[in-house]
Amino acid sequence: MVESSQAAMKEMGKIVGQDNALVDPDTVEKYSHNMLTVENIAPAGVVKPASVEEVQQIVNIANHHEV
């Protein structure tokens, strides 16, 4: 799963640009808080798309890598 997540993040970074594909553990940890559960699980990364087209491509990549 980790390898799939890393590969997906690399592909997503090509779509949104590396500045908008965050994988630094300290930065990603800020996005791990969820008010619905007690346990916070850090995501593999954070992607910040700028358009509908980028969102579509990101969803396709996530589905391809099953993440």
Protein backbone atom coordinates (compact mmCIF):
# COMPACT_ATOMS: atom_id res chain seq x y z
CA MET A 1 0.00 0.00 0.00
CA VAL A 2 2.83 2.41 0.81
CA GLU A 3 4.43 1.81 -2.59
CA SER A 4 1.09 2.42 -4.33
CA SER A 5 0.59 5.63 -2.36
CA GLN A 6 4.08 6.87 -3.18
CA ALA A 7 3.65 6.08 -6.87
CA ALA A 8 0.25 7.79 -6.89
CA MET A 9 1.66 10.90 -5.20
CA LYS A 10 4.45 11.11 -7.80
CA GLU A 11 1.93 10.94 -10.63
CA MET A 12 -0.34 13.47 -8.93
CA GLY A 13 2.62 15.79 -8.46
CA LYS A 14 3.11 15.78 -12.23
CA ILE A 15 -0.50 16.93 -12.61
CA VAL A 16 -0.64 19.67 -9.97
CA GLY A 17 3.05 20.56 -9.71
CA GLN A 18 5.36 19.48 -6.91
CA ASP A 19 4.52 22.58 -4.83
CA ASN A 20 0.91 21.39 -4.71
CA ALA A 21 1.67 17.74 -3.91
CA LEU A 22 2.71 17.71 -0.28
CA VAL A 23 4.48 14.70 1.22
CA ASP A 24 6.58 16.23 4.01
CA PRO A 25 5.50 14.41 7.23
CA ASP A 26 5.26 17.61 9.30
CA THR A 27 3.11 19.31 6.68
CA VAL A 28 0.94 16.26 5.98
CA GLU A 29 0.33 15.74 9.71
CA LYS A 30 -1.60 19.01 9.78
CA TYR A 31 -4.13 17.42 7.42
CA SER A 32 -4.61 14.26 9.51
CA HIS A 33 -7.08 15.65 12.03
CA ASN A 34 -10.62 14.39 11.70
CA MET A 35 -13.42 15.44 14.02
CA LEU A 36 -15.43 12.31 13.22
CA THR A 37 -13.04 9.79 14.76
CA VAL A 38 -10.80 9.61 17.80
CA GLU A 39 -7.85 8.21 15.88
CA ASN A 40 -6.06 10.53 13.47
CA ILE A 41 -4.42 8.77 10.54
CA ALA A 42 -1.86 10.72 8.56
CA PRO A 43 -2.50 10.66 4.82
CA ALA A 44 0.24 9.58 2.44
CA GLY A 45 0.16 13.07 1.01
CA VAL A 46 -1.95 16.10 0.28
CA VAL A 47 -2.82 17.22 -3.23
CA LYS A 48 -4.07 20.72 -4.01
CA PRO A 49 -5.66 20.75 -7.46
CA ALA A 50 -6.43 24.05 -9.17
CA SER A 51 -9.10 22.93 -11.62
CA VAL A 52 -11.86 20.43 -12.25
CA GLU A 53 -9.66 18.74 -14.83
CA GLU A 54 -6.90 18.23 -12.26
CA VAL A 55 -9.41 16.74 -9.81
CA GLN A 56 -10.59 14.31 -12.50
CA GLN A 57 -7.02 13.24 -13.24
CA ILE A 58 -6.24 12.83 -9.52
CA VAL A 59 -9.31 10.64 -8.99
CA ASN A 60 -8.31 8.49 -11.96
CA ILE A 61 -4.78 8.08 -10.57
CA ALA A 62 -6.13 7.20 -7.11
CA ASN A 63 -8.47 4.60 -8.62
CA HIS A 64 -5.65 3.16 -10.74
CA HIS A 65 -3.43 2.75 -7.65
CA GLU A 66 -6.36 1.72 -5.41
CA VAL A 67 -5.55 4.39 -2.82
